[in-house]
Amino acid sequence: MSLEFMDKISPFLPGIKSPGSPLSLREKMYWTAAIIGVYFLLYNTYAIGVNQQSISQPLLQLISIIFAARIGSVITVGIGPIVLASIILQLLVGSGLWNIDLEDTTQKSRFQSLQKLAAICIALGESIVYVYTGFVPVASVGAIGIVILQLAIGAITIIFLDEAMAKYGITSGINMFIAAGVSYAIVAGTISILIPGAVAAVQAGGAAALSNAVAAFGPLIFAIIIFLLSIYTYEMKVELPLSFEQLRGIGGRLPIPFLYVSVLPVILATALEESLTVWFRFIANSTSNIARFFAYYQPVATSTGGTTPTLSGGLVYLISPSFPLPYQAPYGIGGYGPYITYLATHTTELFLPWGGMVLVPEWMHVIIYVVVLMLLSVVFGKFWVEMTGQSPKHLAEQLGSSGWQIPGFRRDPRIVENVLNKYIPTITVLGSMFVGFLAAIATLTGAIGTGMGILLTVGIIYMLYQQLQQERLYETYPILEKIAK
């Protein structure tokens, strides 16, 4: 399929003009700060016509973290359209279903225009879906149109902020928006939930006042532990020696990090689990045992006097980290003591179409959730390695075409592939399992910012640190940038 049709559409797509001359690191930092400032302004601006009191923030908390969004704000859709458009088009190209030469400047420009057009169309569609499915409650029927319009404008604004960040900032807008959203959630959660909880524990007095005050900061402590573990894991890698065939004495190392596919597997696994929760919400009023087998919903009273369907049983419930409200996190039921007691004593209802209802202990629910998330992470990890050209076969071909070889072995892609097969498949599985386990534990312990958010933020900060080092090196030695290009 040719992309020539984009030549007629591209002139009508608005865009961000590239800087006339290369920007210094200081200028990029200023632009980054300004763009993040605009993002926070949109993040804290609720759409006119939205019923803020009826918004169920825990419902899509993980998805909001991944998409750098805030339910009810003008950027409720967040970076979702950018991510979805990118994933779909990249998979079509990476799988060979769509033969496009992205090394060609013209083809690449057309592809980027198509990606922007797809993101805008998805932004419009998702804005409608969010409102009509009730995830963004509106104050009145007459406000539906204006709310959809605001969400669409906010989503499209994020698309252009991302483009501005790519041209004027220090990294991609997607990365910075996710890191900013998670950081805001951590600070806001600490100020609005943890600190008042600690103050209340001290004011209550008694022999356990100090220990209760410290326990109130448990979610923050777990967030810091996950943060430090993530940093340590990002530094773990296996390095294979390389030599350049055409120049003797020139060598290097091929790093194969423990997190070979970063946190992408757990992102996709979590997105799938959360999506199932969203999709099956449409059967909330069904009395069919088959429907209840997959997802069982119970009405839970809201602060406005009404009720909302809440997932409390079924297969989808068992593979999710959700608990019946208000048991969404340890600090939601009075601390880790009541939380552990709840997990040890309560049961989940699982309807069997052929045998009625059975009760599953909540501690088994926890085990099932952790195991399923780890397994899904492995599946998506192996899938992503194959689809994005990071498999041993593709990597061996890339090394061979570049003139690199592993010392002590013949320069044969098949030989190099056999060597890489000893490391990459095992590291992919172990790394995917580890990030899945870490994300699950962080979520279950109520870590501020969620396990997914912390893992993403650490990866972004680590990548940003490396990029800043490279930028500083290029400013000091400009010749290196010309060589790299």
Protein backbone atom coordinates (compact mmCIF):
# COMPACT_ATOMS: atom_id res chain seq x y z
CA MET A 1 0.00 0.00 0.00
CA SER A 2 1.43 3.35 -1.06
CA LEU A 3 1.34 6.46 1.08
CA GLU A 4 1.22 8.89 -1.85
CA PHE A 5 -2.36 9.82 -0.92
CA MET A 6 -0.91 11.60 2.15
CA ASP A 7 0.68 14.18 -0.16
CA LYS A 8 -2.81 15.65 -0.70
CA ILE A 9 -3.78 15.48 2.99
CA SER A 10 -0.54 16.57 4.71
CA PRO A 11 -0.79 20.27 3.69
CA PHE A 12 -4.09 20.50 5.58
CA LEU A 13 -2.73 18.95 8.79
CA PRO A 14 -1.57 21.58 11.30
CA GLY A 15 1.93 21.10 12.66
CA ILE A 16 4.68 22.56 14.81
CA LYS A 17 7.40 24.38 12.87
CA SER A 18 10.92 23.10 13.50
CA PRO A 19 13.46 25.51 15.05
CA GLY A 20 15.45 27.54 12.51
CA SER A 21 18.76 26.56 14.10
CA PRO A 22 19.93 23.85 16.53
CA LEU A 23 18.92 24.60 20.12
CA SER A 24 21.35 24.53 23.01
CA LEU A 25 20.75 22.23 25.96
CA ARG A 26 19.70 25.24 28.08
CA GLU A 27 17.13 26.32 25.47
CA LYS A 28 15.74 22.78 25.27
CA MET A 29 15.37 22.76 29.05
CA TYR A 30 13.40 26.02 28.95
CA TRP A 31 11.09 24.70 26.24
CA THR A 32 10.60 21.46 28.15
CA ALA A 33 9.62 23.35 31.31
CA ALA A 34 7.15 25.52 29.36
CA ILE A 35 5.48 22.52 27.66
CA ILE A 36 5.21 20.65 30.97
CA GLY A 37 3.66 23.79 32.48
CA VAL A 38 0.95 23.77 29.79
CA TYR A 39 0.40 20.04 30.38
CA PHE A 40 -0.16 20.59 34.13
CA LEU A 41 -2.55 23.45 33.38
CA LEU A 42 -4.67 21.12 31.21
CA TYR A 43 -4.26 18.27 33.74
CA ASN A 44 -5.85 20.37 36.48
CA THR A 45 -8.63 21.89 34.34
CA TYR A 46 -11.90 19.96 34.48
CA ALA A 47 -14.08 20.01 31.38
CA ILE A 48 -17.14 22.24 31.66
CA GLY A 49 -20.25 20.13 32.11
CA VAL A 50 -18.53 17.22 33.89
CA ASN A 51 -20.05 15.99 37.16
CA GLN A 52 -16.87 15.93 39.26
CA GLN A 53 -18.55 14.33 42.31
CA SER A 54 -19.50 11.22 40.30
CA ILE A 55 -16.05 10.54 38.88
CA SER A 56 -14.68 7.16 40.00
CA GLN A 57 -10.93 7.77 39.92
CA PRO A 58 -9.85 4.23 40.96
CA LEU A 59 -11.82 2.73 38.08
CA LEU A 60 -9.26 3.62 35.40
CA GLN A 61 -6.31 4.53 37.60
CA LEU A 62 -3.75 2.34 35.85
CA ILE A 63 -4.92 3.33 32.38
CA SER A 64 -4.77 6.99 33.45
CA ILE A 65 -1.18 6.50 34.60
CA ILE A 66 -0.17 4.81 31.35
CA PHE A 67 -1.89 7.44 29.21
CA ALA A 68 -0.79 10.44 31.35
CA ALA A 69 -4.44 11.45 31.74
CA ARG A 70 -6.85 12.57 34.42
CA ILE A 71 -10.46 11.42 34.27
CA GLY A 72 -12.81 14.38 33.94
CA SER A 73 -10.14 16.88 32.91
CA VAL A 74 -9.81 18.24 29.38
CA ILE A 75 -7.01 15.69 28.84
CA THR A 76 -9.08 12.69 29.94
CA VAL A 77 -7.99 10.86 26.77
CA GLY A 78 -4.31 11.76 27.37
CA ILE A 79 -1.64 10.27 25.12
CA GLY A 80 -3.84 7.27 24.32
CA PRO A 81 -4.46 8.27 20.67
CA ILE A 82 -0.72 8.82 20.06
CA VAL A 83 0.20 5.47 21.60
CA LEU A 84 -2.56 3.52 19.88
CA ALA A 85 -1.87 5.04 16.44
CA SER A 86 1.85 4.39 16.85
CA ILE A 87 1.39 0.78 17.99
CA ILE A 88 -0.99 -0.10 15.16
CA LEU A 89 1.11 1.44 12.39
CA GLN A 90 4.44 0.21 13.79
CA LEU A 91 3.10 -3.33 14.06
CA LEU A 92 1.86 -3.20 10.47
CA VAL A 93 5.31 -2.10 9.29
CA GLY A 94 7.33 -4.28 11.67
CA SER A 95 5.38 -7.43 10.82
CA GLY A 96 5.95 -6.91 7.10
CA LEU A 97 2.22 -6.54 6.34
CA TRP A 98 2.93 -3.00 5.17
CA ASN A 99 6.12 -2.56 3.16
CA ILE A 100 7.35 0.97 3.85
CA ASP A 101 10.97 2.11 3.71
CA LEU A 102 11.29 4.39 6.74
CA GLU A 103 14.90 5.15 5.77
CA ASP A 104 13.55 7.09 2.79
CA THR A 105 12.92 10.73 3.79
CA THR A 106 9.77 11.09 1.69
CA GLN A 107 8.25 7.83 2.90
CA LYS A 108 9.09 8.65 6.51
CA SER A 109 7.45 12.09 6.21
CA ARG A 110 4.29 10.53 4.76
CA PHE A 111 4.25 7.89 7.50
CA GLN A 112 4.54 10.53 10.23
CA SER A 113 1.68 12.51 8.68
CA LEU A 114 -0.45 9.37 8.56
CA GLN A 115 0.36 8.67 12.20
CA LYS A 116 -0.71 12.19 13.18
CA LEU A 117 -3.95 11.87 11.18
CA ALA A 118 -4.69 8.48 12.79
CA ALA A 119 -4.02 9.93 16.28
CA ILE A 120 -6.45 12.81 15.64
CA CYS A 121 -9.17 10.42 14.43
CA ILE A 122 -8.65 8.14 17.45
CA ALA A 123 -8.78 11.18 19.76
CA LEU A 124 -12.21 12.09 18.40
CA GLY A 125 -13.45 8.50 18.72
CA GLU A 126 -12.15 7.98 22.26
CA SER A 127 -13.66 11.28 23.43
CA ILE A 128 -17.09 10.03 22.34
CA VAL A 129 -16.55 6.59 23.93
CA TYR A 130 -15.46 8.03 27.29
CA VAL A 131 -18.59 10.14 27.56
CA TYR A 132 -21.17 7.67 26.23
CA THR A 133 -19.90 4.76 28.38
CA GLY A 134 -20.19 6.88 31.53
CA PHE A 135 -16.52 6.97 32.48
CA VAL A 136 -16.77 10.73 32.24
CA PRO A 137 -20.12 11.53 33.90
CA VAL A 138 -21.84 14.63 32.60
CA ALA A 139 -24.00 16.96 34.66
CA SER A 140 -26.87 16.89 32.17
CA VAL A 141 -27.81 15.39 28.81
CA GLY A 142 -27.47 18.79 27.20
CA ALA A 143 -23.80 18.95 28.22
CA ILE A 144 -22.79 15.76 26.36
CA GLY A 145 -21.82 17.56 23.14
CA ILE A 146 -19.76 20.29 24.80
CA VAL A 147 -17.93 17.75 27.01
CA ILE A 148 -17.05 15.58 23.99
CA LEU A 149 -15.79 18.68 22.16
CA GLN A 150 -13.58 19.70 25.09
CA LEU A 151 -12.11 16.20 25.48
CA ALA A 152 -11.38 16.06 21.75
CA ILE A 153 -9.68 19.46 21.77
CA GLY A 154 -7.66 18.48 24.84
CA ALA A 155 -6.53 15.21 23.23
CA ILE A 156 -5.53 16.97 19.99
CA THR A 157 -3.67 19.61 22.03
CA ILE A 158 -1.65 16.82 23.67
CA ILE A 159 -0.77 15.50 20.18
CA PHE A 160 0.74 18.87 19.24
CA LEU A 161 2.42 19.31 22.62
CA ASP A 162 4.10 15.96 22.00
CA GLU A 163 5.25 17.19 18.58
CA ALA A 164 6.54 20.43 20.11
CA MET A 165 8.46 18.48 22.74
CA ALA A 166 10.05 16.29 20.05
CA LYS A 167 11.27 19.36 18.14
CA TYR A 168 12.12 21.75 20.97
CA GLY A 169 12.46 19.65 24.14
CA ILE A 170 14.97 17.15 25.49
CA THR A 171 12.91 13.99 24.94
CA SER A 172 9.54 12.85 23.62
CA GLY A 173 6.38 14.41 25.02
CA ILE A 174 4.92 10.98 25.77
CA ASN A 175 7.75 10.20 28.17
CA MET A 176 7.68 13.56 29.90
CA PHE A 177 3.88 13.58 30.29
CA ILE A 178 3.88 10.11 31.87
CA ALA A 179 6.71 11.03 34.26
CA ALA A 180 5.03 14.34 35.13
CA GLY A 181 1.66 12.67 35.75
CA VAL A 182 3.14 9.99 38.01
CA SER A 183 5.24 12.53 39.91
CA TYR A 184 2.15 14.68 40.44
CA ALA A 185 0.17 11.65 41.67
CA ILE A 186 2.92 10.80 44.17
CA VAL A 187 3.15 14.35 45.54
CA ALA A 188 -0.63 14.88 45.58
CA GLY A 189 -1.26 11.49 47.21
CA THR A 190 1.34 12.14 49.88
CA ILE A 191 -0.08 15.56 50.71
CA SER A 192 -3.79 14.73 50.54
CA ILE A 193 -3.83 11.16 51.94
CA LEU A 194 -0.64 10.09 53.72
CA ILE A 195 0.22 13.22 55.70
CA PRO A 196 -3.36 13.68 57.05
CA GLY A 197 -3.36 9.97 57.98
CA ALA A 198 -0.10 10.35 59.90
CA VAL A 199 -1.34 13.50 61.66
CA ALA A 200 -4.56 11.73 62.67
CA ALA A 201 -2.56 8.81 64.07
CA VAL A 202 -0.43 11.16 66.22
CA GLN A 203 -3.47 13.10 67.42
CA ALA A 204 -5.18 9.85 68.44
CA GLY A 205 -2.34 9.28 70.91
CA GLY A 206 -1.67 6.02 72.68
CA ALA A 207 1.31 3.70 72.76
CA ALA A 208 0.98 2.87 69.06
CA ALA A 209 0.70 6.48 67.89
CA LEU A 210 4.24 6.66 66.48
CA SER A 211 4.10 3.28 64.77
CA ASN A 212 0.70 4.11 63.27
CA ALA A 213 2.05 7.41 61.98
CA VAL A 214 4.98 5.63 60.30
CA ALA A 215 2.63 2.97 58.88
CA ALA A 216 0.53 5.73 57.33
CA PHE A 217 3.49 6.44 55.04
CA GLY A 218 3.62 2.77 53.99
CA PRO A 219 2.47 3.48 50.39
CA LEU A 220 5.25 6.07 50.01
CA ILE A 221 7.82 3.71 51.54
CA PHE A 222 6.80 0.93 49.14
CA ALA A 223 6.99 3.41 46.25
CA ILE A 224 10.57 4.30 47.22
CA ILE A 225 11.50 0.59 47.52
CA ILE A 226 10.06 -0.15 44.06
CA PHE A 227 11.85 2.92 42.71
CA LEU A 228 15.24 1.80 44.04
CA LEU A 229 14.75 -1.80 42.87
CA SER A 230 13.84 -0.55 39.41
CA ILE A 231 16.97 1.62 39.20
CA TYR A 232 19.14 -1.30 40.26
CA THR A 233 17.49 -3.60 37.71
CA TYR A 234 17.98 -1.14 34.86
CA GLU A 235 21.73 -1.32 35.49
CA MET A 236 21.83 -5.13 35.23
CA LYS A 237 23.03 -6.41 31.86
CA VAL A 238 25.09 -9.03 30.05
CA GLU A 239 27.83 -7.66 27.78
CA LEU A 240 29.11 -9.67 24.81
CA PRO A 241 32.49 -8.70 23.29
CA LEU A 242 32.45 -7.48 19.68
CA SER A 243 35.20 -6.91 17.12
CA PHE A 244 35.13 -4.97 13.85
CA GLU A 245 36.19 -7.16 10.96
CA GLN A 246 37.55 -4.45 8.68
CA LEU A 247 39.70 -2.74 11.33
CA ARG A 248 41.75 -4.96 13.59
CA GLY A 249 42.07 -3.74 17.16
CA ILE A 250 38.69 -1.96 17.05
CA GLY A 251 36.23 -3.56 19.39
CA GLY A 252 33.28 -2.93 21.60
CA ARG A 253 30.59 -4.60 23.67
CA LEU A 254 27.02 -5.54 22.96
CA PRO A 255 24.92 -4.86 26.10
CA ILE A 256 21.90 -7.10 26.63
CA PRO A 257 20.05 -5.51 29.57
CA PHE A 258 18.06 -7.60 32.02
CA LEU A 259 15.03 -5.51 31.09
CA TYR A 260 15.63 -6.22 27.40
CA VAL A 261 12.17 -5.01 26.37
CA SER A 262 11.96 -2.45 29.18
CA VAL A 263 8.50 -2.29 30.79
CA LEU A 264 6.52 -2.68 27.55
CA PRO A 265 5.34 -6.24 28.38
CA VAL A 266 3.73 -5.23 31.67
CA ILE A 267 2.22 -2.13 30.05
CA LEU A 268 0.47 -4.27 27.45
CA ALA A 269 -0.51 -6.92 30.02
CA THR A 270 -1.98 -4.33 32.39
CA ALA A 271 -3.74 -2.54 29.54
CA LEU A 272 -5.35 -5.85 28.53
CA GLU A 273 -6.54 -6.60 32.07
CA GLU A 274 -7.93 -3.09 32.54
CA SER A 275 -9.55 -3.18 29.11
CA LEU A 276 -11.36 -6.41 30.04
CA THR A 277 -12.71 -4.65 33.12
CA VAL A 278 -13.99 -1.83 30.91
CA TRP A 279 -15.47 -4.08 28.20
CA PHE A 280 -17.28 -6.40 30.59
CA ARG A 281 -18.85 -3.44 32.37
CA PHE A 282 -21.45 -3.50 29.59
CA ILE A 283 -22.84 -6.77 31.04
CA ALA A 284 -23.15 -5.34 34.54
CA ASN A 285 -26.94 -5.69 34.52
CA SER A 286 -27.00 -9.18 33.06
CA THR A 287 -28.41 -12.00 35.19
CA SER A 288 -26.93 -14.73 32.99
CA ASN A 289 -24.66 -17.15 34.84
CA ILE A 290 -22.33 -17.21 31.84
CA ALA A 291 -21.97 -13.42 32.00
CA ARG A 292 -21.45 -13.59 35.78
CA PHE A 293 -18.81 -16.29 35.26
CA PHE A 294 -16.67 -13.79 33.36
CA ALA A 295 -17.49 -10.68 35.39
CA TYR A 296 -19.88 -10.21 38.31
CA TYR A 297 -20.89 -6.66 39.22
CA GLN A 298 -22.63 -5.44 42.35
CA PRO A 299 -24.21 -1.99 42.84
CA VAL A 300 -22.24 0.18 45.26
CA ALA A 301 -23.57 3.45 46.69
CA THR A 302 -21.86 6.65 45.58
CA SER A 303 -21.40 9.94 47.41
CA THR A 304 -24.20 11.48 45.32
CA GLY A 305 -26.80 9.02 46.59
CA GLY A 306 -26.89 6.83 43.50
CA THR A 307 -25.20 3.51 42.75
CA THR A 308 -22.46 2.39 40.40
CA PRO A 309 -21.74 -1.16 39.17
CA THR A 310 -18.55 -2.42 40.79
CA LEU A 311 -16.61 -5.50 39.72
CA SER A 312 -16.62 -7.95 42.64
CA GLY A 313 -16.37 -11.45 41.16
CA GLY A 314 -15.77 -13.61 38.10
CA LEU A 315 -12.70 -14.46 36.04
CA VAL A 316 -11.99 -10.84 35.11
CA TYR A 317 -12.07 -9.94 38.81
CA LEU A 318 -9.62 -12.74 39.67
CA ILE A 319 -6.99 -11.51 37.21
CA SER A 320 -7.36 -7.87 38.28
CA PRO A 321 -5.97 -6.06 41.34
CA SER A 322 -9.41 -4.63 42.14
CA PHE A 323 -11.24 -5.17 45.41
CA PRO A 324 -14.80 -4.14 46.28
CA LEU A 325 -14.90 -0.48 47.29
CA PRO A 326 -13.58 0.92 49.55
CA TYR A 327 -10.88 -1.77 49.47
CA GLN A 328 -8.94 -0.27 46.59
CA ALA A 329 -5.72 0.24 48.56
CA PRO A 330 -4.39 -0.35 52.07
CA TYR A 331 -4.99 3.24 53.12
CA GLY A 332 -8.61 2.90 51.95
CA ILE A 333 -9.58 0.59 54.84
CA GLY A 334 -7.52 1.93 57.70
CA GLY A 335 -4.00 0.63 57.08
CA TYR A 336 -2.14 -2.57 56.31
CA GLY A 337 -3.48 -4.49 59.32
CA PRO A 338 -7.15 -4.39 58.24
CA TYR A 339 -6.02 -4.81 54.63
CA ILE A 340 -4.17 -8.09 55.37
CA THR A 341 -7.07 -9.27 57.53
CA TYR A 342 -9.46 -8.59 54.66
CA LEU A 343 -7.33 -10.60 52.22
CA ALA A 344 -7.06 -13.48 54.67
CA THR A 345 -10.74 -13.71 55.62
CA HIS A 346 -12.86 -12.55 52.68
CA THR A 347 -13.93 -14.52 49.63
CA THR A 348 -14.70 -13.83 45.98
CA GLU A 349 -17.85 -15.07 44.25
CA LEU A 350 -17.19 -17.13 41.13
CA PHE A 351 -20.27 -18.31 39.22
CA LEU A 352 -19.90 -21.59 37.34
CA PRO A 353 -22.43 -21.89 34.51
CA TRP A 354 -22.76 -25.61 35.19
CA GLY A 355 -22.61 -25.70 39.00
CA GLY A 356 -23.75 -22.47 40.59
CA MET A 357 -21.61 -20.26 42.80
CA VAL A 358 -18.29 -21.12 44.48
CA LEU A 359 -16.31 -18.96 46.88
CA VAL A 360 -12.65 -18.22 46.19
CA PRO A 361 -10.50 -16.81 49.06
CA GLU A 362 -9.14 -13.32 48.44
CA TRP A 363 -5.58 -14.52 49.14
CA MET A 364 -6.01 -16.87 46.17
CA HIS A 365 -7.31 -13.91 44.16
CA VAL A 366 -4.00 -12.16 44.93
CA ILE A 367 -1.94 -15.18 43.82
CA ILE A 368 -3.95 -15.60 40.61
CA TYR A 369 -3.56 -11.90 39.78
CA VAL A 370 0.22 -11.95 40.29
CA VAL A 371 0.75 -15.19 38.33
CA VAL A 372 -1.49 -14.14 35.42
CA LEU A 373 0.19 -10.72 35.18
CA MET A 374 3.62 -12.38 35.09
CA LEU A 375 2.53 -14.89 32.43
CA LEU A 376 0.91 -12.21 30.29
CA SER A 377 4.08 -10.10 30.61
CA VAL A 378 6.15 -13.02 29.30
CA VAL A 379 3.76 -13.57 26.36
CA PHE A 380 3.80 -9.89 25.39
CA GLY A 381 7.56 -9.69 25.97
CA LYS A 382 8.29 -12.52 23.53
CA PHE A 383 5.74 -11.11 21.08
CA TRP A 384 7.31 -7.64 21.22
CA VAL A 385 10.85 -8.99 20.67
CA GLU A 386 9.75 -10.79 17.50
CA MET A 387 7.58 -7.96 16.15
CA THR A 388 10.08 -5.14 16.66
CA GLY A 389 13.20 -6.78 15.22
CA GLN A 390 14.94 -7.43 18.54
CA SER A 391 15.05 -11.23 18.17
CA PRO A 392 18.42 -13.07 18.01
CA LYS A 393 17.97 -13.62 14.26
CA HIS A 394 17.32 -9.93 13.47
CA LEU A 395 20.08 -8.73 15.80
CA ALA A 396 22.59 -11.17 14.26
CA GLU A 397 21.72 -9.89 10.78
CA GLN A 398 22.13 -6.27 11.91
CA LEU A 399 25.54 -6.98 13.45
CA GLY A 400 26.67 -8.83 10.34
CA SER A 401 25.57 -6.08 7.95
CA SER A 402 27.41 -3.51 10.10
CA GLY A 403 30.65 -5.47 10.02
CA TRP A 404 30.63 -6.59 13.67
CA GLN A 405 31.32 -10.11 14.85
CA ILE A 406 31.81 -11.97 18.12
CA PRO A 407 35.52 -12.79 18.69
CA GLY A 408 36.29 -16.50 18.42
CA PHE A 409 33.37 -17.20 16.06
CA ARG A 410 33.10 -17.15 12.28
CA ARG A 411 31.34 -14.17 10.74
CA ASP A 412 28.17 -16.07 10.00
CA PRO A 413 24.76 -14.71 11.08
CA ARG A 414 23.68 -18.23 11.98
CA ILE A 415 26.63 -18.68 14.34
CA VAL A 416 26.03 -15.27 15.96
CA GLU A 417 22.32 -16.11 16.22
CA ASN A 418 23.14 -19.32 18.11
CA VAL A 419 25.26 -17.33 20.56
CA LEU A 420 22.54 -14.71 21.08
CA ASN A 421 19.95 -17.49 21.52
CA LYS A 422 21.77 -18.46 24.72
CA TYR A 423 20.98 -15.07 26.26
CA ILE A 424 18.11 -13.10 24.68
CA PRO A 425 15.20 -15.60 25.07
CA THR A 426 16.11 -16.34 28.70
CA ILE A 427 16.63 -12.66 29.57
CA THR A 428 13.35 -11.74 27.84
CA VAL A 429 11.41 -14.25 29.94
CA LEU A 430 13.12 -13.43 33.24
CA GLY A 431 12.98 -9.66 32.69
CA SER A 432 9.30 -9.77 31.71
CA MET A 433 8.44 -11.91 34.73
CA PHE A 434 10.34 -9.58 37.04
CA VAL A 435 8.65 -6.37 35.88
CA GLY A 436 5.27 -8.13 36.04
CA PHE A 437 5.98 -9.27 39.61
CA LEU A 438 7.29 -5.86 40.65
CA ALA A 439 4.27 -4.05 39.18
CA ALA A 440 1.87 -6.49 40.88
CA ILE A 441 3.51 -6.14 44.30
CA ALA A 442 3.60 -2.35 44.03
CA THR A 443 -0.09 -2.27 43.11
CA LEU A 444 -1.12 -4.67 45.88
CA THR A 445 0.85 -2.75 48.52
CA GLY A 446 -0.81 0.49 47.44
CA ALA A 447 2.45 2.18 46.40
CA ILE A 448 1.76 5.83 45.61
CA GLY A 449 1.82 6.35 41.85
CA THR A 450 1.07 2.63 41.23
CA GLY A 451 3.67 0.02 40.35
CA MET A 452 3.18 0.64 36.64
CA GLY A 453 3.66 4.36 37.05
CA ILE A 454 6.84 3.95 39.09
CA LEU A 455 8.34 1.47 36.62
CA LEU A 456 7.56 3.75 33.70
CA THR A 457 8.93 6.81 35.47
CA VAL A 458 12.19 5.10 36.42
CA GLY A 459 12.69 3.94 32.83
CA ILE A 460 11.98 7.43 31.51
CA ILE A 461 14.30 9.11 34.03
CA TYR A 462 17.06 6.59 33.26
CA MET A 463 16.71 7.19 29.51
CA LEU A 464 16.55 10.96 30.05
CA TYR A 465 19.75 10.82 32.13
CA GLN A 466 21.56 9.02 29.29
CA GLN A 467 20.19 11.49 26.75
CA LEU A 468 21.31 14.50 28.80
CA GLN A 469 24.79 13.01 29.07
CA GLN A 470 24.85 12.60 25.29
CA GLU A 471 23.63 16.18 24.74
CA ARG A 472 26.31 17.53 27.08
CA LEU A 473 28.94 15.44 25.27
CA TYR A 474 27.82 16.77 21.87
CA GLU A 475 28.00 20.37 23.13
CA THR A 476 31.52 19.79 24.42
CA TYR A 477 32.69 17.87 21.32
CA PRO A 478 30.50 18.93 18.33
CA ILE A 479 32.43 16.63 15.98
CA LEU A 480 30.93 13.60 17.77
CA GLU A 481 27.42 14.57 16.69
CA LYS A 482 28.51 14.68 13.04
CA ILE A 483 30.13 11.25 13.38
CA ALA A 484 27.01 9.81 15.03
CA LYS A 485 24.89 11.01 12.14
